[in-house]
Protein backbone atom coordinates (compact mmCIF):
# COMPACT_ATOMS: atom_id res chain seq x y z
CA MET A 1 127.09 56.51 14.63
CA LEU A 2 130.48 54.90 13.90
CA LEU A 3 131.70 55.89 17.35
CA ASN A 4 128.69 54.18 18.94
CA LYS A 5 129.43 51.01 16.96
CA ARG A 6 133.04 51.13 18.12
CA HIS A 7 131.90 51.53 21.73
CA MET A 8 129.63 48.53 21.29
CA LEU A 9 132.50 46.49 19.80
CA LEU A 10 134.70 47.41 22.75
CA ALA A 11 131.88 46.57 25.13
CA LEU A 12 131.46 43.19 23.45
CA ALA A 13 135.19 42.62 23.67
CA VAL A 14 135.20 43.23 27.40
CA LEU A 15 132.22 40.99 28.08
CA VAL A 16 134.64 38.17 28.63
CA ALA A 17 136.37 39.97 31.43
CA ALA A 18 134.74 38.18 34.31
CA PRO A 19 135.19 35.18 36.57
CA PRO A 20 135.14 31.67 35.17
CA THR A 21 131.43 31.14 34.55
CA ILE A 22 131.30 33.90 31.96
CA LEU A 23 132.53 33.55 28.37
CA ALA A 24 136.05 32.19 28.17
CA LEU A 25 138.04 29.49 26.52
CA PRO A 26 135.83 26.39 26.33
CA SER A 27 138.33 24.47 28.45
CA ASP A 28 138.17 27.08 31.27
CA ARG A 29 134.78 25.98 32.57
CA ASN A 30 135.97 22.40 33.15
CA ALA A 31 139.39 23.33 34.50
CA PRO A 32 140.06 22.93 38.21
CA VAL A 33 140.00 26.06 40.37
CA GLU A 34 143.35 26.69 42.06
CA ILE A 35 143.52 29.12 44.99
CA GLU A 36 146.66 30.34 46.76
CA ALA A 37 146.66 32.74 49.72
CA ASP A 38 148.56 33.47 52.90
CA SER A 39 145.49 32.42 54.91
CA ALA A 40 141.99 31.01 54.54
CA ASP A 41 139.10 31.30 56.99
CA ILE A 42 136.00 29.15 56.53
CA ASP A 43 132.90 30.26 58.42
CA GLN A 44 130.21 27.61 58.02
CA ALA A 45 127.66 29.62 60.02
CA SER A 46 127.82 32.60 57.63
CA HIS A 47 128.53 30.44 54.54
CA THR A 48 131.67 32.39 53.66
CA THR A 49 135.27 31.65 52.91
CA THR A 50 137.80 34.46 53.20
CA TYR A 51 141.23 34.33 51.60
CA ARG A 52 143.82 36.92 52.66
CA GLY A 53 147.29 37.94 51.59
CA ASN A 54 148.48 37.82 47.99
CA VAL A 55 145.41 35.84 46.86
CA LYS A 56 145.73 34.16 43.46
CA ILE A 57 142.84 32.31 41.85
CA ARG A 58 143.21 30.49 38.55
CA GLN A 59 140.80 28.48 36.45
CA GLY A 60 142.05 27.73 32.97
CA SER A 61 142.99 31.06 31.39
CA MET A 62 141.18 33.12 34.06
CA GLN A 63 143.49 34.61 36.67
CA LEU A 64 142.48 36.85 39.58
CA GLN A 65 144.84 38.52 42.05
CA ALA A 66 143.79 40.46 45.13
CA GLY A 67 144.76 41.25 48.68
CA LYS A 68 141.55 39.68 49.95
CA VAL A 69 138.77 37.55 48.41
CA VAL A 70 135.50 36.68 50.15
CA ILE A 71 133.24 34.07 48.60
CA THR A 72 129.72 33.57 49.94
CA TYR A 73 127.82 30.36 49.32
CA ASN A 74 124.14 29.45 48.94
CA ASN A 75 123.37 25.73 49.26
CA ARG A 76 127.05 24.87 48.77
CA LYS A 77 127.20 26.83 45.48
CA PRO A 78 129.11 30.10 45.09
CA GLY A 79 126.78 33.09 45.38
CA LYS A 80 129.07 36.12 45.32
CA LEU A 81 132.79 36.80 45.03
CA ILE A 82 134.25 40.06 46.38
CA ALA A 83 137.91 40.77 45.62
CA THR A 84 139.69 43.81 47.06
CA GLY A 85 143.19 45.09 46.50
CA LYS A 86 145.34 48.00 45.50
CA PRO A 87 144.14 47.14 42.89
CA ALA A 88 142.49 43.74 42.49
CA THR A 89 143.21 42.49 38.97
CA PHE A 90 142.10 39.80 36.57
CA LYS A 91 142.90 38.60 33.10
CA GLN A 92 141.28 36.07 30.85
CA GLN A 93 141.69 34.86 27.31
CA PRO A 94 138.29 34.87 25.58
CA GLU A 95 139.27 32.54 22.74
CA LYS A 96 142.39 30.76 21.55
CA ASP A 97 144.62 33.17 19.60
CA LYS A 98 142.58 36.18 20.79
CA PRO A 99 144.06 38.99 22.89
CA TRP A 100 143.76 38.80 26.66
CA VAL A 101 141.15 40.90 28.42
CA THR A 102 142.40 42.52 31.61
CA GLY A 103 140.60 44.43 34.30
CA GLN A 104 141.25 46.07 37.61
CA GLY A 105 139.56 47.95 40.40
CA GLN A 106 139.96 48.57 44.09
CA ARG A 107 137.00 46.20 44.47
CA ILE A 108 135.69 43.57 42.05
CA VAL A 109 132.31 41.99 42.78
CA TYR A 110 130.84 39.09 40.83
CA ASP A 111 127.34 37.82 41.54
CA PHE A 112 127.12 34.23 40.30
CA ASN A 113 123.29 34.27 40.30
CA SER A 114 122.64 37.49 38.37
CA GLU A 115 125.93 37.16 36.44
CA GLU A 116 126.72 40.81 37.11
CA LEU A 117 130.33 42.00 37.34
CA ILE A 118 131.07 45.28 39.10
CA LEU A 119 134.46 47.01 39.14
CA ASN A 120 134.77 49.88 41.65
CA GLY A 121 137.50 52.43 42.31
CA ASP A 122 139.82 53.29 39.42
CA ALA A 123 138.06 50.66 37.30
CA VAL A 124 139.66 49.73 33.97
CA LEU A 125 138.90 47.10 31.31
CA THR A 126 141.42 46.64 28.49
CA GLN A 127 141.82 44.53 25.37
CA ASN A 128 144.17 45.18 22.44
CA ASN A 129 145.34 48.43 24.05
CA ASP A 130 141.74 49.69 23.87
CA SER A 131 140.43 50.65 27.29
CA PHE A 132 137.30 51.58 29.15
CA ARG A 133 137.92 53.57 32.38
CA SER A 134 135.76 55.07 35.14
CA ASP A 135 135.28 54.90 38.90
CA ARG A 136 132.59 52.24 38.43
CA ILE A 137 131.95 49.77 35.60
CA VAL A 138 129.02 47.34 35.68
CA TYR A 139 128.51 44.50 33.23
CA ASP A 140 125.25 42.57 33.23
CA ARG A 141 125.89 39.37 31.27
CA VAL A 142 122.23 38.32 31.17
CA LYS A 143 121.12 41.63 29.61
CA ALA A 144 124.42 42.04 27.69
CA GLN A 145 124.72 45.59 29.05
CA LEU A 146 127.86 47.47 30.00
CA LYS A 147 127.52 50.67 32.02
CA ALA A 148 130.12 53.06 33.38
CA GLY A 149 130.26 56.36 35.21
CA ALA A 150 126.89 57.91 36.04
CA ALA A 151 125.04 55.15 34.15
CA ALA A 152 126.59 52.67 36.61
CA LYS A 153 125.88 54.91 39.63
CA GLY A 154 129.47 56.13 39.57
CA SER A 155 130.61 59.71 40.04
CA GLU A 156 133.40 60.05 37.46
CA ARG A 157 133.23 60.58 33.74
CA VAL A 158 133.93 57.65 31.44
CA LYS A 159 137.10 57.58 29.35
CA VAL A 160 137.26 55.24 26.34
CA ILE A 161 140.38 54.83 24.21
CA ILE A 162 140.02 52.91 20.95
CA HIS A 163 143.03 52.46 18.70
CA PRO A 164 142.47 52.26 14.94
CA GLN A 165 142.86 48.83 13.42
CA ASN A 166 145.41 48.26 10.67
CA THR A 167 143.54 47.76 7.41
CA GLN A 168 146.46 46.27 5.48
């Protein structure tokens, strides 16, 4: 039972590991979004913007790096973000004076409408040296559910590493 509670605590800790509309420092939501890339292609007909080459996106404490990022829009609002890289990475500080949450995958997908974050391909979420690893990790913010491996329609086993806390 204690192990399940620890898994839940780790899962709660990694809930903040998503793009800017998910839990983060209060100032993150109102911070400007800064995007740097080698190129940007805007396709108004398909409602997409594609950034290529050393893409860096920052909003407050949230930072995302990828080789390519495609953002689709619905009625001028972001609908889905797909970041790919070798790997694509992100980090975000959930609260002031709290450890950073980091994540990576060959592909990171965030659906702004369903608020679901999917990490594919060597997916890893880490905070405080504790980590959650599988080929596929899915976090549904609305349902507050974290799934990995077969539960997330992945094919690899899940590996969780939790370090004991100092009780001094």
